[in-house]
mmCIF file of all heavy atoms, coordinates in Angstrom:
data_MODEL
# 
_entry.id   MODEL 
# 
loop_
_atom_site.group_PDB 
_atom_site.id 
_atom_site.type_symbol 
_atom_site.label_atom_id 
_atom_site.label_alt_id 
_atom_site.label_comp_id 
_atom_site.label_asym_id 
_atom_site.label_entity_id 
_atom_site.label_seq_id 
_atom_site.pdbx_PDB_ins_code 
_atom_site.Cartn_x 
_atom_site.Cartn_y 
_atom_site.Cartn_z 
_atom_site.occupancy 
_atom_site.B_iso_or_equiv 
_atom_site.pdbx_formal_charge 
_atom_site.auth_seq_id 
_atom_site.auth_comp_id 
_atom_site.auth_asym_id 
_atom_site.auth_atom_id 
_atom_site.pdbx_PDB_model_num 
ATOM 1   N N   . VAL A 1 1  ? 0.843  -1.199 0.004   1.00 0.00 ? 1  VAL A N   1 
ATOM 2   C CA  . VAL A 1 1  ? -0.003 0.001  -0.001  1.00 0.00 ? 1  VAL A CA  1 
ATOM 3   C C   . VAL A 1 1  ? 0.875  1.247  0.001   1.00 0.00 ? 1  VAL A C   1 
ATOM 4   O O   . VAL A 1 1  ? 0.638  2.196  -0.754  1.00 0.00 ? 1  VAL A O   1 
ATOM 5   C CB  . VAL A 1 1  ? -0.972 0.017  1.209   1.00 0.00 ? 1  VAL A CB  1 
ATOM 6   C CG1 . VAL A 1 1  ? -1.697 1.333  1.327   1.00 0.00 ? 1  VAL A CG1 1 
ATOM 7   C CG2 . VAL A 1 1  ? -1.959 -1.141 1.093   1.00 0.00 ? 1  VAL A CG2 1 
ATOM 8   N N   . GLU A 1 2  ? 1.925  1.265  0.840   1.00 0.00 ? 2  GLU A N   1 
ATOM 9   C CA  . GLU A 1 2  ? 2.844  2.403  0.871   1.00 0.00 ? 2  GLU A CA  1 
ATOM 10  C C   . GLU A 1 2  ? 3.546  2.564  -0.472  1.00 0.00 ? 2  GLU A C   1 
ATOM 11  O O   . GLU A 1 2  ? 3.726  3.679  -0.966  1.00 0.00 ? 2  GLU A O   1 
ATOM 12  C CB  . GLU A 1 2  ? 3.883  2.223  1.972   1.00 0.00 ? 2  GLU A CB  1 
ATOM 13  C CG  . GLU A 1 2  ? 3.327  2.319  3.362   1.00 0.00 ? 2  GLU A CG  1 
ATOM 14  C CD  . GLU A 1 2  ? 4.310  1.894  4.427   1.00 0.00 ? 2  GLU A CD  1 
ATOM 15  O OE1 . GLU A 1 2  ? 5.247  1.129  4.148   1.00 0.00 ? 2  GLU A OE1 1 
ATOM 16  O OE2 . GLU A 1 2  ? 4.138  2.328  5.579   1.00 0.00 ? 2  GLU A OE2 1 
ATOM 17  N N   . LEU A 1 3  ? 3.922  1.449  -1.058  1.00 0.00 ? 3  LEU A N   1 
ATOM 18  C CA  . LEU A 1 3  ? 4.582  1.482  -2.365  1.00 0.00 ? 3  LEU A CA  1 
ATOM 19  C C   . LEU A 1 3  ? 3.658  2.015  -3.446  1.00 0.00 ? 3  LEU A C   1 
ATOM 20  O O   . LEU A 1 3  ? 4.072  2.814  -4.288  1.00 0.00 ? 3  LEU A O   1 
ATOM 21  C CB  . LEU A 1 3  ? 5.074  0.082  -2.718  1.00 0.00 ? 3  LEU A CB  1 
ATOM 22  C CG  . LEU A 1 3  ? 6.088  -0.044 -3.827  1.00 0.00 ? 3  LEU A CG  1 
ATOM 23  C CD1 . LEU A 1 3  ? 7.292  0.843  -3.579  1.00 0.00 ? 3  LEU A CD1 1 
ATOM 24  C CD2 . LEU A 1 3  ? 6.519  -1.502 -3.945  1.00 0.00 ? 3  LEU A CD2 1 
ATOM 25  N N   . LEU A 1 4  ? 2.394  1.620  -3.408  1.00 0.00 ? 4  LEU A N   1 
ATOM 26  C CA  . LEU A 1 4  ? 1.421  2.126  -4.380  1.00 0.00 ? 4  LEU A CA  1 
ATOM 27  C C   . LEU A 1 4  ? 1.205  3.630  -4.191  1.00 0.00 ? 4  LEU A C   1 
ATOM 28  O O   . LEU A 1 4  ? 1.147  4.391  -5.166  1.00 0.00 ? 4  LEU A O   1 
ATOM 29  C CB  . LEU A 1 4  ? 0.102  1.375  -4.279  1.00 0.00 ? 4  LEU A CB  1 
ATOM 30  C CG  . LEU A 1 4  ? -0.973 1.775  -5.283  1.00 0.00 ? 4  LEU A CG  1 
ATOM 31  C CD1 . LEU A 1 4  ? -0.491 1.580  -6.710  1.00 0.00 ? 4  LEU A CD1 1 
ATOM 32  C CD2 . LEU A 1 4  ? -2.243 0.988  -5.049  1.00 0.00 ? 4  LEU A CD2 1 
ATOM 33  N N   . LEU A 1 5  ? 1.099  4.082  -2.948  1.00 0.00 ? 5  LEU A N   1 
ATOM 34  C CA  . LEU A 1 5  ? 0.958  5.516  -2.688  1.00 0.00 ? 5  LEU A CA  1 
ATOM 35  C C   . LEU A 1 5  ? 2.194  6.275  -3.165  1.00 0.00 ? 5  LEU A C   1 
ATOM 36  O O   . LEU A 1 5  ? 2.069  7.367  -3.743  1.00 0.00 ? 5  LEU A O   1 
ATOM 37  C CB  . LEU A 1 5  ? 0.732  5.776  -1.191  1.00 0.00 ? 5  LEU A CB  1 
ATOM 38  C CG  . LEU A 1 5  ? -0.632 5.380  -0.649  1.00 0.00 ? 5  LEU A CG  1 
ATOM 39  C CD1 . LEU A 1 5  ? -0.666 5.517  0.875   1.00 0.00 ? 5  LEU A CD1 1 
ATOM 40  C CD2 . LEU A 1 5  ? -1.722 6.226  -1.271  1.00 0.00 ? 5  LEU A CD2 1 
ATOM 41  N N   . LEU A 1 6  ? 3.370  5.695  -2.957  1.00 0.00 ? 6  LEU A N   1 
ATOM 42  C CA  . LEU A 1 6  ? 4.600  6.312  -3.447  1.00 0.00 ? 6  LEU A CA  1 
ATOM 43  C C   . LEU A 1 6  ? 4.581  6.403  -4.971  1.00 0.00 ? 6  LEU A C   1 
ATOM 44  O O   . LEU A 1 6  ? 4.914  7.429  -5.547  1.00 0.00 ? 6  LEU A O   1 
ATOM 45  C CB  . LEU A 1 6  ? 5.809  5.506  -2.981  1.00 0.00 ? 6  LEU A CB  1 
ATOM 46  C CG  . LEU A 1 6  ? 7.172  6.014  -3.427  1.00 0.00 ? 6  LEU A CG  1 
ATOM 47  C CD1 . LEU A 1 6  ? 7.471  7.373  -2.797  1.00 0.00 ? 6  LEU A CD1 1 
ATOM 48  C CD2 . LEU A 1 6  ? 8.252  5.011  -3.053  1.00 0.00 ? 6  LEU A CD2 1 
ATOM 49  N N   . ALA A 1 7  ? 4.149  5.326  -5.620  1.00 0.00 ? 7  ALA A N   1 
ATOM 50  C CA  . ALA A 1 7  ? 4.078  5.297  -7.088  1.00 0.00 ? 7  ALA A CA  1 
ATOM 51  C C   . ALA A 1 7  ? 3.113  6.368  -7.597  1.00 0.00 ? 7  ALA A C   1 
ATOM 52  O O   . ALA A 1 7  ? 3.423  7.073  -8.568  1.00 0.00 ? 7  ALA A O   1 
ATOM 53  C CB  . ALA A 1 7  ? 3.634  3.915  -7.565  1.00 0.00 ? 7  ALA A CB  1 
ATOM 54  N N   . ILE A 1 8  ? 1.988  6.520  -6.939  1.00 0.00 ? 8  ILE A N   1 
ATOM 55  C CA  . ILE A 1 8  ? 1.021  7.550  -7.344  1.00 0.00 ? 8  ILE A CA  1 
ATOM 56  C C   . ILE A 1 8  ? 1.623  8.943  -7.132  1.00 0.00 ? 8  ILE A C   1 
ATOM 57  O O   . ILE A 1 8  ? 1.531  9.807  -7.991  1.00 0.00 ? 8  ILE A O   1 
ATOM 58  C CB  . ILE A 1 8  ? -0.311 7.382  -6.578  1.00 0.00 ? 8  ILE A CB  1 
ATOM 59  C CG1 . ILE A 1 8  ? -1.009 6.104  -7.037  1.00 0.00 ? 8  ILE A CG1 1 
ATOM 60  C CG2 . ILE A 1 8  ? -1.215 8.601  -6.774  1.00 0.00 ? 8  ILE A CG2 1 
ATOM 61  C CD1 . ILE A 1 8  ? -2.184 5.681  -6.159  1.00 0.00 ? 8  ILE A CD1 1 
ATOM 62  N N   . GLY A 1 9  ? 2.255  9.146  -5.983  1.00 0.00 ? 9  GLY A N   1 
ATOM 63  C CA  . GLY A 1 9  ? 2.871  10.440 -5.696  1.00 0.00 ? 9  GLY A CA  1 
ATOM 64  C C   . GLY A 1 9  ? 3.951  10.791 -6.717  1.00 0.00 ? 9  GLY A C   1 
ATOM 65  O O   . GLY A 1 9  ? 4.007  11.922 -7.219  1.00 0.00 ? 9  GLY A O   1 
ATOM 66  N N   . LEU A 1 10 ? 4.803  9.817  -7.045  1.00 0.00 ? 10 LEU A N   1 
ATOM 67  C CA  . LEU A 1 10 ? 5.868  10.065 -8.015  1.00 0.00 ? 10 LEU A CA  1 
ATOM 68  C C   . LEU A 1 10 ? 5.323  10.343 -9.414  1.00 0.00 ? 10 LEU A C   1 
ATOM 69  O O   . LEU A 1 10 ? 5.914  11.093 -10.181 1.00 0.00 ? 10 LEU A O   1 
ATOM 70  C CB  . LEU A 1 10 ? 6.825  8.868  -8.080  1.00 0.00 ? 10 LEU A CB  1 
ATOM 71  C CG  . LEU A 1 10 ? 7.789  8.698  -6.921  1.00 0.00 ? 10 LEU A CG  1 
ATOM 72  C CD1 . LEU A 1 10 ? 8.554  7.386  -7.059  1.00 0.00 ? 10 LEU A CD1 1 
ATOM 73  C CD2 . LEU A 1 10 ? 8.747  9.879  -6.833  1.00 0.00 ? 10 LEU A CD2 1 
ATOM 74  N N   . SER A 1 11 ? 4.204  9.742  -9.743  1.00 0.00 ? 11 SER A N   1 
ATOM 75  C CA  . SER A 1 11 ? 3.675  9.875  -11.098 1.00 0.00 ? 11 SER A CA  1 
ATOM 76  C C   . SER A 1 11 ? 2.937  11.188 -11.335 1.00 0.00 ? 11 SER A C   1 
ATOM 77  O O   . SER A 1 11 ? 2.601  11.504 -12.476 1.00 0.00 ? 11 SER A O   1 
ATOM 78  C CB  . SER A 1 11 ? 2.756  8.703  -11.412 1.00 0.00 ? 11 SER A CB  1 
ATOM 79  O OG  . SER A 1 11 ? 1.585  8.754  -10.622 1.00 0.00 ? 11 SER A OG  1 
ATOM 80  N N   . MET A 1 12 ? 2.717  11.977 -10.306 1.00 0.00 ? 12 MET A N   1 
ATOM 81  C CA  . MET A 1 12 ? 1.914  13.192 -10.470 1.00 0.00 ? 12 MET A CA  1 
ATOM 82  C C   . MET A 1 12 ? 2.607  14.251 -11.342 1.00 0.00 ? 12 MET A C   1 
ATOM 83  O O   . MET A 1 12 ? 1.925  14.973 -12.075 1.00 0.00 ? 12 MET A O   1 
ATOM 84  C CB  . MET A 1 12 ? 1.535  13.788 -9.113  1.00 0.00 ? 12 MET A CB  1 
ATOM 85  C CG  . MET A 1 12 ? 0.477  12.993 -8.369  1.00 0.00 ? 12 MET A CG  1 
ATOM 86  S SD  . MET A 1 12 ? -1.088 12.893 -9.259  1.00 0.00 ? 12 MET A SD  1 
ATOM 87  C CE  . MET A 1 12 ? -1.148 11.160 -9.641  1.00 0.00 ? 12 MET A CE  1 
ATOM 88  N N   . ASP A 1 13 ? 3.923  14.352 -11.298 1.00 0.00 ? 13 ASP A N   1 
ATOM 89  C CA  . ASP A 1 13 ? 4.619  15.279 -12.210 1.00 0.00 ? 13 ASP A CA  1 
ATOM 90  C C   . ASP A 1 13 ? 4.397  14.848 -13.656 1.00 0.00 ? 13 ASP A C   1 
ATOM 91  O O   . ASP A 1 13 ? 4.098  15.675 -14.516 1.00 0.00 ? 13 ASP A O   1 
ATOM 92  C CB  . ASP A 1 13 ? 6.125  15.299 -11.932 1.00 0.00 ? 13 ASP A CB  1 
ATOM 93  C CG  . ASP A 1 13 ? 6.516  16.297 -10.849 1.00 0.00 ? 13 ASP A CG  1 
ATOM 94  O OD1 . ASP A 1 13 ? 5.646  17.083 -10.426 1.00 0.00 ? 13 ASP A OD1 1 
ATOM 95  O OD2 . ASP A 1 13 ? 7.683  16.283 -10.445 1.00 0.00 ? 13 ASP A OD2 1 
ATOM 96  N N   . ALA A 1 14 ? 4.553  13.559 -13.903 1.00 0.00 ? 14 ALA A N   1 
ATOM 97  C CA  . ALA A 1 14 ? 4.353  13.038 -15.254 1.00 0.00 ? 14 ALA A CA  1 
ATOM 98  C C   . ALA A 1 14 ? 2.892  13.210 -15.679 1.00 0.00 ? 14 ALA A C   1 
ATOM 99  O O   . ALA A 1 14 ? 2.606  13.534 -16.836 1.00 0.00 ? 14 ALA A O   1 
ATOM 100 C CB  . ALA A 1 14 ? 4.764  11.571 -15.339 1.00 0.00 ? 14 ALA A CB  1 
ATOM 101 N N   . PHE A 1 15 ? 1.973  13.016 -14.746 1.00 0.00 ? 15 PHE A N   1 
ATOM 102 C CA  . PHE A 1 15 ? 0.550  13.218 -15.047 1.00 0.00 ? 15 PHE A CA  1 
ATOM 103 C C   . PHE A 1 15 ? 0.301  14.669 -15.464 1.00 0.00 ? 15 PHE A C   1 
ATOM 104 O O   . PHE A 1 15 ? -0.391 14.930 -16.445 1.00 0.00 ? 15 PHE A O   1 
ATOM 105 C CB  . PHE A 1 15 ? -0.306 12.857 -13.826 1.00 0.00 ? 15 PHE A CB  1 
ATOM 106 C CG  . PHE A 1 15 ? -1.773 13.151 -14.004 1.00 0.00 ? 15 PHE A CG  1 
ATOM 107 C CD1 . PHE A 1 15 ? -2.590 12.269 -14.681 1.00 0.00 ? 15 PHE A CD1 1 
ATOM 108 C CD2 . PHE A 1 15 ? -2.324 14.313 -13.497 1.00 0.00 ? 15 PHE A CD2 1 
ATOM 109 C CE1 . PHE A 1 15 ? -3.951 12.532 -14.849 1.00 0.00 ? 15 PHE A CE1 1 
ATOM 110 C CE2 . PHE A 1 15 ? -3.674 14.595 -13.652 1.00 0.00 ? 15 PHE A CE2 1 
ATOM 111 C CZ  . PHE A 1 15 ? -4.490 13.696 -14.331 1.00 0.00 ? 15 PHE A CZ  1 
ATOM 112 N N   . ALA A 1 16 ? 0.885  15.592 -14.713 1.00 0.00 ? 16 ALA A N   1 
ATOM 113 C CA  . ALA A 1 16 ? 0.679  17.015 -15.007 1.00 0.00 ? 16 ALA A CA  1 
ATOM 114 C C   . ALA A 1 16 ? 1.230  17.382 -16.389 1.00 0.00 ? 16 ALA A C   1 
ATOM 115 O O   . ALA A 1 16 ? 0.578  18.102 -17.152 1.00 0.00 ? 16 ALA A O   1 
ATOM 116 C CB  . ALA A 1 16 ? 1.346  17.874 -13.935 1.00 0.00 ? 16 ALA A CB  1 
ATOM 117 N N   . VAL A 1 17 ? 2.399  16.870 -16.731 1.00 0.00 ? 17 VAL A N   1 
ATOM 118 C CA  . VAL A 1 17 ? 2.960  17.144 -18.053 1.00 0.00 ? 17 VAL A CA  1 
ATOM 119 C C   . VAL A 1 17 ? 2.121  16.460 -19.127 1.00 0.00 ? 17 VAL A C   1 
ATOM 120 O O   . VAL A 1 17 ? 1.915  17.008 -20.204 1.00 0.00 ? 17 VAL A O   1 
ATOM 121 C CB  . VAL A 1 17 ? 4.445  16.693 -18.120 1.00 0.00 ? 17 VAL A CB  1 
ATOM 122 C CG1 . VAL A 1 17 ? 4.985  16.825 -19.537 1.00 0.00 ? 17 VAL A CG1 1 
ATOM 123 C CG2 . VAL A 1 17 ? 5.285  17.533 -17.147 1.00 0.00 ? 17 VAL A CG2 1 
ATOM 124 N N   . SER A 1 18 ? 1.610  15.282 -18.820 1.00 0.00 ? 18 SER A N   1 
ATOM 125 C CA  . SER A 1 18 ? 0.758  14.563 -19.770 1.00 0.00 ? 18 SER A CA  1 
ATOM 126 C C   . SER A 1 18 ? -0.530 15.328 -20.048 1.00 0.00 ? 18 SER A C   1 
ATOM 127 O O   . SER A 1 18 ? -1.037 15.316 -21.179 1.00 0.00 ? 18 SER A O   1 
ATOM 128 C CB  . SER A 1 18 ? 0.425  13.167 -19.235 1.00 0.00 ? 18 SER A CB  1 
ATOM 129 O OG  . SER A 1 18 ? 1.589  12.402 -19.089 1.00 0.00 ? 18 SER A OG  1 
ATOM 130 N N   . VAL A 1 19 ? -1.072 15.974 -19.016 1.00 0.00 ? 19 VAL A N   1 
ATOM 131 C CA  . VAL A 1 19 ? -2.264 16.812 -19.214 1.00 0.00 ? 19 VAL A CA  1 
ATOM 132 C C   . VAL A 1 19 ? -1.946 17.905 -20.231 1.00 0.00 ? 19 VAL A C   1 
ATOM 133 O O   . VAL A 1 19 ? -2.734 18.182 -21.142 1.00 0.00 ? 19 VAL A O   1 
ATOM 134 C CB  . VAL A 1 19 ? -2.761 17.406 -17.874 1.00 0.00 ? 19 VAL A CB  1 
ATOM 135 C CG1 . VAL A 1 19 ? -3.794 18.497 -18.095 1.00 0.00 ? 19 VAL A CG1 1 
ATOM 136 C CG2 . VAL A 1 19 ? -3.335 16.314 -16.976 1.00 0.00 ? 19 VAL A CG2 1 
ATOM 137 N N   . CYS A 1 20 ? -0.768 18.507 -20.093 1.00 0.00 ? 20 CYS A N   1 
ATOM 138 C CA  . CYS A 1 20 ? -0.351 19.546 -21.055 1.00 0.00 ? 20 CYS A CA  1 
ATOM 139 C C   . CYS A 1 20 ? -0.199 18.965 -22.462 1.00 0.00 ? 20 CYS A C   1 
ATOM 140 O O   . CYS A 1 20 ? -0.558 19.604 -23.443 1.00 0.00 ? 20 CYS A O   1 
ATOM 141 C CB  . CYS A 1 20 ? 0.958  20.190 -20.612 1.00 0.00 ? 20 CYS A CB  1 
ATOM 142 S SG  . CYS A 1 20 ? 0.807  21.150 -19.114 1.00 0.00 ? 20 CYS A SG  1 
ATOM 143 N N   . LYS A 1 21 ? 0.349  17.749 -22.549 1.00 0.00 ? 21 LYS A N   1 
ATOM 144 C CA  . LYS A 1 21 ? 0.468  17.088 -23.858 1.00 0.00 ? 21 LYS A CA  1 
ATOM 145 C C   . LYS A 1 21 ? -0.907 16.888 -24.483 1.00 0.00 ? 21 LYS A C   1 
ATOM 146 O O   . LYS A 1 21 ? -1.107 17.102 -25.661 1.00 0.00 ? 21 LYS A O   1 
ATOM 147 C CB  . LYS A 1 21 ? 1.186  15.738 -23.723 1.00 0.00 ? 21 LYS A CB  1 
ATOM 148 C CG  . LYS A 1 21 ? 2.653  15.841 -23.511 1.00 0.00 ? 21 LYS A CG  1 
ATOM 149 C CD  . LYS A 1 21 ? 3.313  16.167 -24.807 1.00 0.00 ? 21 LYS A CD  1 
ATOM 150 C CE  . LYS A 1 21 ? 4.808  16.166 -24.698 1.00 0.00 ? 21 LYS A CE  1 
ATOM 151 N NZ  . LYS A 1 21 ? 5.404  16.781 -25.873 1.00 0.00 ? 21 LYS A NZ  1 
ATOM 152 N N   . GLY A 1 22 ? -1.857 16.432 -23.678 1.00 0.00 ? 22 GLY A N   1 
ATOM 153 C CA  . GLY A 1 22 ? -3.209 16.215 -24.167 1.00 0.00 ? 22 GLY A CA  1 
ATOM 154 C C   . GLY A 1 22 ? -3.904 17.505 -24.557 1.00 0.00 ? 22 GLY A C   1 
ATOM 155 O O   . GLY A 1 22 ? -4.668 17.551 -25.538 1.00 0.00 ? 22 GLY A O   1 
ATOM 156 N N   . LEU A 1 23 ? -3.630 18.542 -23.812 1.00 0.00 ? 23 LEU A N   1 
ATOM 157 C CA  . LEU A 1 23 ? -4.193 19.861 -24.099 1.00 0.00 ? 23 LEU A CA  1 
ATOM 158 C C   . LEU A 1 23 ? -3.723 20.361 -25.457 1.00 0.00 ? 23 LEU A C   1 
ATOM 159 O O   . LEU A 1 23 ? -4.482 20.961 -26.212 1.00 0.00 ? 23 LEU A O   1 
ATOM 160 C CB  . LEU A 1 23 ? -3.771 20.831 -22.996 1.00 0.00 ? 23 LEU A CB  1 
ATOM 161 C CG  . LEU A 1 23 ? -4.285 22.265 -23.042 1.00 0.00 ? 23 LEU A CG  1 
ATOM 162 C CD1 . LEU A 1 23 ? -5.802 22.281 -22.900 1.00 0.00 ? 23 LEU A CD1 1 
ATOM 163 C CD2 . LEU A 1 23 ? -3.654 23.069 -21.922 1.00 0.00 ? 23 LEU A CD2 1 
ATOM 164 N N   . ALA A 1 24 ? -2.465 20.073 -25.794 1.00 0.00 ? 24 ALA A N   1 
ATOM 165 C CA  . ALA A 1 24 ? -1.875 20.561 -27.040 1.00 0.00 ? 24 ALA A CA  1 
ATOM 166 C C   . ALA A 1 24 ? -2.195 19.676 -28.252 1.00 0.00 ? 24 ALA A C   1 
ATOM 167 O O   . ALA A 1 24 ? -2.017 20.089 -29.380 1.00 0.00 ? 24 ALA A O   1 
ATOM 168 C CB  . ALA A 1 24 ? -0.362 20.670 -26.893 1.00 0.00 ? 24 ALA A CB  1 
ATOM 169 N N   . ALA A 1 25 ? -2.645 18.447 -27.988 1.00 0.00 ? 25 ALA A N   1 
ATOM 170 C CA  . ALA A 1 25 ? -2.905 17.510 -29.090 1.00 0.00 ? 25 ALA A CA  1 
ATOM 171 C C   . ALA A 1 25 ? -4.228 17.846 -29.775 1.00 0.00 ? 25 ALA A C   1 
ATOM 172 O O   . ALA A 1 25 ? -5.288 17.715 -29.162 1.00 0.00 ? 25 ALA A O   1 
ATOM 173 C CB  . ALA A 1 25 ? -2.930 16.083 -28.568 1.00 0.00 ? 25 ALA A CB  1 
ATOM 174 N N   . PRO A 1 26 ? -4.164 18.251 -31.049 1.00 0.00 ? 26 PRO A N   1 
ATOM 175 C CA  . PRO A 1 26 ? -5.400 18.596 -31.747 1.00 0.00 ? 26 PRO A CA  1 
ATOM 176 C C   . PRO A 1 26 ? -6.279 17.376 -31.995 1.00 0.00 ? 26 PRO A C   1 
ATOM 177 O O   . PRO A 1 26 ? -7.493 17.435 -31.857 1.00 0.00 ? 26 PRO A O   1 
ATOM 178 C CB  . PRO A 1 26 ? -4.917 19.203 -33.072 1.00 0.00 ? 26 PRO A CB  1 
ATOM 179 C CG  . PRO A 1 26 ? -3.516 18.733 -33.238 1.00 0.00 ? 26 PRO A CG  1 
ATOM 180 C CD  . PRO A 1 26 ? -2.981 18.426 -31.867 1.00 0.00 ? 26 PRO A CD  1 
# 
C-alpha cells in the first residue's frame, strides 16, 4: 500500500505534463 501511494505520488509530475500534452494535441 505504501509502495502504491509512493508510485502515485511520483507519477503526479508526469501526469501534469501529460495533461499539457493532451491539451496541445489537436
